Amino acid sequence: MLSYLDYPPVWLIAALLLARGVGASVPMAAEVAPLVMLGWLLVAVAVALMVAAAVRFLRHRTTIVPHRAPDALITDGVFRLSRNPIYLADVLLLAGFILIWGAHLAWPLVPLLAWVLQRRFILPEEARLRAAFGPQAEAYFTRTRRWV
């Protein structure tokens, strides 16, 4: 049901909308400038991670779309630091906007989004990588952390 909506950006947008709604509904004291600046820093890091990962996908000529079989195992660039830099970026974006909006009651959405991404996308993707690349994938999984 609604499988065409089961993509990480949809989950991220839903979490952002919820966070924004919480931020808009809970009156907060004057925004704390350092927290807002930290939020923008997290957003910038997230965008940089997404761009760096997308470049790797293009260079390796493999799909960036979840639920599809990979044509290559990407282990270089930003993928040396994290097996899932785009999902990490999604979580950082949410955290950044929570800080920017002062939507502090929305913090539980951060681990919830991470859990959804891991269950719906990361674990199935790792299974596809294992099936396609066997020992090479296992070696990569051993030396590179899932998130950071």
C-alpha atoms as a PDB file:
ATOM      1  CA  MET A   1       0.000   0.000   0.000  1.00  0.00           C
ATOM      2  CA  LEU A   2       1.404   3.352  -1.070  1.00  0.00           C
ATOM      3  CA  SER A   3       4.778   1.743  -1.839  1.00  0.00           C
ATOM      4  CA  TYR A   4       5.488   4.584  -4.256  1.00  0.00           C
ATOM      5  CA  LEU A   5       5.771   6.798  -1.159  1.00  0.00           C
ATOM      6  CA  ASP A   6       8.202   4.496   0.665  1.00  0.00           C
ATOM      7  CA  TYR A   7      11.362   6.486  -0.004  1.00  0.00           C
ATOM      8  CA  PRO A   8      13.691   8.225   2.459  1.00  0.00           C
ATOM      9  CA  PRO A   9      12.905  11.788   1.309  1.00  0.00           C
ATOM     10  CA  VAL A  10       9.202  11.173   2.021  1.00  0.00           C
ATOM     11  CA  TRP A  11      10.000   9.995   5.559  1.00  0.00           C
ATOM     12  CA  LEU A  12      12.333  12.973   6.047  1.00  0.00           C
ATOM     13  CA  ILE A  13       9.726  15.468   4.810  1.00  0.00           C
ATOM     14  CA  ALA A  14       7.107  13.926   7.113  1.00  0.00           C
ATOM     15  CA  ALA A  15       9.476  14.238  10.090  1.00  0.00           C
ATOM     16  CA  LEU A  16      10.322  17.830   9.125  1.00  0.00           C
ATOM     17  CA  LEU A  17       6.641  18.740   8.860  1.00  0.00           C
ATOM     18  CA  LEU A  18       5.968  17.210  12.266  1.00  0.00           C
ATOM     19  CA  ALA A  19       8.942  19.032  13.763  1.00  0.00           C
ATOM     20  CA  ARG A  20       7.842  22.311  12.231  1.00  0.00           C
ATOM     21  CA  GLY A  21       4.339  21.783  13.550  1.00  0.00           C
ATOM     22  CA  VAL A  22       5.703  21.201  17.039  1.00  0.00           C
ATOM     23  CA  GLY A  23       7.899  24.271  16.727  1.00  0.00           C
ATOM     24  CA  ALA A  24       4.982  26.375  15.600  1.00  0.00           C
ATOM     25  CA  SER A  25       2.626  25.129  18.302  1.00  0.00           C
ATOM     26  CA  VAL A  26       4.903  25.484  21.325  1.00  0.00           C
ATOM     27  CA  PRO A  27       5.759  29.033  22.308  1.00  0.00           C
ATOM     28  CA  MET A  28       9.475  29.345  22.979  1.00  0.00           C
ATOM     29  CA  ALA A  29      11.561  32.027  24.545  1.00  0.00           C
ATOM     30  CA  ALA A  30      13.729  34.087  22.220  1.00  0.00           C
ATOM     31  CA  GLU A  31      15.766  31.818  19.971  1.00  0.00           C
ATOM     32  CA  VAL A  32      19.218  31.115  21.240  1.00  0.00           C
ATOM     33  CA  ALA A  33      21.604  32.286  18.527  1.00  0.00           C
ATOM     34  CA  PRO A  34      24.280  29.601  19.140  1.00  0.00           C
ATOM     35  CA  LEU A  35      21.672  26.850  18.778  1.00  0.00           C
ATOM     36  CA  VAL A  36      20.378  28.354  15.552  1.00  0.00           C
ATOM     37  CA  MET A  37      23.950  28.616  14.242  1.00  0.00           C
ATOM     38  CA  LEU A  38      24.570  24.988  15.228  1.00  0.00           C
ATOM     39  CA  GLY A  39      21.389  24.063  13.381  1.00  0.00           C
ATOM     40  CA  TRP A  40      22.604  25.762  10.210  1.00  0.00           C
ATOM     41  CA  LEU A  41      25.970  24.038  10.590  1.00  0.00           C
ATOM     42  CA  LEU A  42      24.216  20.648  10.786  1.00  0.00           C
ATOM     43  CA  VAL A  43      22.171  21.509   7.696  1.00  0.00           C
ATOM     44  CA  ALA A  44      25.346  22.510   5.811  1.00  0.00           C
ATOM     45  CA  VAL A  45      27.125  19.289   6.822  1.00  0.00           C
ATOM     46  CA  ALA A  46      24.073  17.280   5.757  1.00  0.00           C
ATOM     47  CA  VAL A  47      23.945  18.935   2.331  1.00  0.00           C
ATOM     48  CA  ALA A  48      27.694  18.379   1.876  1.00  0.00           C
ATOM     49  CA  LEU A  49      27.302  14.687   2.771  1.00  0.00           C
ATOM     50  CA  MET A  50      24.426  14.288   0.318  1.00  0.00           C
ATOM     51  CA  VAL A  51      26.333  15.944  -2.517  1.00  0.00           C
ATOM     52  CA  ALA A  52      29.524  13.976  -1.809  1.00  0.00           C
ATOM     53  CA  ALA A  53      27.573  10.701  -1.732  1.00  0.00           C
ATOM     54  CA  ALA A  54      25.635  11.532  -4.912  1.00  0.00           C
ATOM     55  CA  VAL A  55      28.912  12.218  -6.703  1.00  0.00           C
ATOM     56  CA  ARG A  56      30.181   8.755  -5.658  1.00  0.00           C
ATOM     57  CA  PHE A  57      26.995   7.132  -6.987  1.00  0.00           C
ATOM     58  CA  LEU A  58      27.448   8.918 -10.311  1.00  0.00           C
ATOM     59  CA  ARG A  59      31.140   7.992 -10.552  1.00  0.00           C
ATOM     60  CA  HIS A  60      30.412   4.337  -9.825  1.00  0.00           C
ATOM     61  CA  ARG A  61      27.399   4.354 -12.162  1.00  0.00           C
ATOM     62  CA  THR A  62      25.102   2.667  -9.690  1.00  0.00           C
ATOM     63  CA  THR A  63      21.630   3.500  -8.464  1.00  0.00           C
ATOM     64  CA  ILE A  64      21.021   5.944  -5.678  1.00  0.00           C
ATOM     65  CA  VAL A  65      17.379   4.813  -5.516  1.00  0.00           C
ATOM     66  CA  PRO A  66      16.510   2.557  -2.567  1.00  0.00           C
ATOM     67  CA  HIS A  67      14.821  -0.790  -3.303  1.00  0.00           C
ATOM     68  CA  ARG A  68      16.912  -1.286  -6.456  1.00  0.00           C
ATOM     69  CA  ALA A  69      19.763  -3.737  -6.984  1.00  0.00           C
ATOM     70  CA  PRO A  70      23.207  -2.100  -6.856  1.00  0.00           C
ATOM     71  CA  ASP A  71      25.647  -2.293  -9.751  1.00  0.00           C
ATOM     72  CA  ALA A  72      28.670  -1.387  -7.613  1.00  0.00           C
ATOM     73  CA  LEU A  73      29.825  -1.458  -4.020  1.00  0.00           C
ATOM     74  CA  ILE A  74      30.924   2.079  -3.143  1.00  0.00           C
ATOM     75  CA  THR A  75      33.667   2.105  -0.519  1.00  0.00           C
ATOM     76  CA  ASP A  76      35.585   5.270  -1.348  1.00  0.00           C
ATOM     77  CA  GLY A  77      35.052   8.958  -0.727  1.00  0.00           C
ATOM     78  CA  VAL A  78      32.567   9.717   2.016  1.00  0.00           C
ATOM     79  CA  PHE A  79      31.660   6.012   2.091  1.00  0.00           C
ATOM     80  CA  ARG A  80      34.986   5.375   3.854  1.00  0.00           C
ATOM     81  CA  LEU A  81      33.553   7.203   6.873  1.00  0.00           C
ATOM     82  CA  SER A  82      29.968   5.948   6.827  1.00  0.00           C
ATOM     83  CA  ARG A  83      28.167   3.177   4.956  1.00  0.00           C
ATOM     84  CA  ASN A  84      25.099   5.413   4.829  1.00  0.00           C
ATOM     85  CA  PRO A  85      26.102   9.050   4.426  1.00  0.00           C
ATOM     86  CA  ILE A  86      22.795  10.082   2.844  1.00  0.00           C
ATOM     87  CA  TYR A  87      20.735   8.563   5.662  1.00  0.00           C
ATOM     88  CA  LEU A  88      23.101  10.171   8.153  1.00  0.00           C
ATOM     89  CA  ALA A  89      22.516  13.451   6.309  1.00  0.00           C
ATOM     90  CA  ASP A  90      18.735  12.980   6.595  1.00  0.00           C
ATOM     91  CA  VAL A  91      19.030  12.661  10.371  1.00  0.00           C
ATOM     92  CA  LEU A  92      21.391  15.651  10.575  1.00  0.00           C
ATOM     93  CA  LEU A  93      18.971  17.750   8.495  1.00  0.00           C
ATOM     94  CA  LEU A  94      16.133  16.952  10.860  1.00  0.00           C
ATOM     95  CA  ALA A  95      18.270  17.755  13.907  1.00  0.00           C
ATOM     96  CA  GLY A  96      19.466  20.983  12.299  1.00  0.00           C
ATOM     97  CA  PHE A  97      15.985  22.227  11.523  1.00  0.00           C
ATOM     98  CA  ILE A  98      14.755  21.298  15.006  1.00  0.00           C
ATOM     99  CA  LEU A  99      17.470  23.608  16.355  1.00  0.00           C
ATOM    100  CA  ILE A 100      16.752  26.361  13.821  1.00  0.00           C
ATOM    101  CA  TRP A 101      13.009  26.260  14.491  1.00  0.00           C
ATOM    102  CA  GLY A 102      13.392  25.902  18.254  1.00  0.00           C
ATOM    103  CA  ALA A 103      11.137  22.846  18.031  1.00  0.00           C
ATOM    104  CA  HIS A 104      12.728  21.190  21.043  1.00  0.00           C
ATOM    105  CA  LEU A 105       9.746  18.953  21.764  1.00  0.00           C
ATOM    106  CA  ALA A 106      10.403  17.339  18.368  1.00  0.00           C
ATOM    107  CA  TRP A 107      13.743  15.782  19.423  1.00  0.00           C
ATOM    108  CA  PRO A 108      12.197  12.272  19.707  1.00  0.00           C
ATOM    109  CA  LEU A 109      11.697  12.429  15.929  1.00  0.00           C
ATOM    110  CA  VAL A 110      15.480  12.207  15.406  1.00  0.00           C
ATOM    111  CA  PRO A 111      15.963   8.657  16.766  1.00  0.00           C
ATOM    112  CA  LEU A 112      12.582   7.693  15.310  1.00  0.00           C
ATOM    113  CA  LEU A 113      13.683   8.761  11.819  1.00  0.00           C
ATOM    114  CA  ALA A 114      17.001   6.921  12.271  1.00  0.00           C
ATOM    115  CA  TRP A 115      15.104   3.780  13.286  1.00  0.00           C
ATOM    116  CA  VAL A 116      12.740   4.004  10.292  1.00  0.00           C
ATOM    117  CA  LEU A 117      15.634   4.546   7.875  1.00  0.00           C
ATOM    118  CA  GLN A 118      17.545   1.603   9.304  1.00  0.00           C
ATOM    119  CA  ARG A 119      14.571  -0.794   9.270  1.00  0.00           C
ATOM    120  CA  ARG A 120      12.997   0.271   5.957  1.00  0.00           C
ATOM    121  CA  PHE A 121      16.116   0.999   3.906  1.00  0.00           C
ATOM    122  CA  ILE A 122      19.529   0.272   5.424  1.00  0.00           C
ATOM    123  CA  LEU A 123      18.986  -3.357   6.452  1.00  0.00           C
ATOM    124  CA  PRO A 124      17.401  -4.342   3.108  1.00  0.00           C
ATOM    125  CA  GLU A 125      20.146  -2.490   1.208  1.00  0.00           C
ATOM    126  CA  GLU A 126      22.826  -4.313   3.181  1.00  0.00           C
ATOM    127  CA  ALA A 127      21.147  -7.606   2.326  1.00  0.00           C
ATOM    128  CA  ARG A 128      21.194  -6.694  -1.387  1.00  0.00           C
ATOM    129  CA  LEU A 129      24.875  -5.715  -1.147  1.00  0.00           C
ATOM    130  CA  ARG A 130      25.704  -9.015   0.586  1.00  0.00           C
ATOM    131  CA  ALA A 131      23.867 -10.941  -2.128  1.00  0.00           C
ATOM    132  CA  ALA A 132      25.577  -9.030  -4.932  1.00  0.00           C
ATOM    133  CA  PHE A 133      29.103  -8.658  -3.555  1.00  0.00           C
ATOM    134  CA  GLY A 134      29.481 -11.369  -0.880  1.00  0.00           C
ATOM    135  CA  PRO A 135      32.849 -11.313   0.894  1.00  0.00           C
ATOM    136  CA  GLN A 136      33.716  -7.882  -0.509  1.00  0.00           C
ATOM    137  CA  ALA A 137      30.576  -6.427   1.112  1.00  0.00           C
ATOM    138  CA  GLU A 138      31.274  -8.248   4.389  1.00  0.00           C
ATOM    139  CA  ALA A 139      34.804  -6.843   4.495  1.00  0.00           C
ATOM    140  CA  TYR A 140      33.447  -3.344   3.902  1.00  0.00           C
ATOM    141  CA  PHE A 141      30.784  -3.782   6.604  1.00  0.00           C
ATOM    142  CA  THR A 142      33.485  -4.927   9.039  1.00  0.00           C
ATOM    143  CA  ARG A 143      35.758  -1.941   8.519  1.00  0.00           C
ATOM    144  CA  THR A 144      33.153   0.838   8.053  1.00  0.00           C
ATOM    145  CA  ARG A 145      30.496   1.793  10.575  1.00  0.00           C
ATOM    146  CA  ARG A 146      26.856   1.897   9.544  1.00  0.00           C
ATOM    147  CA  TRP A 147      26.245   5.495  10.651  1.00  0.00           C
ATOM    148  CA  VAL A 148      29.450   7.226  11.758  1.00  0.00           C
END
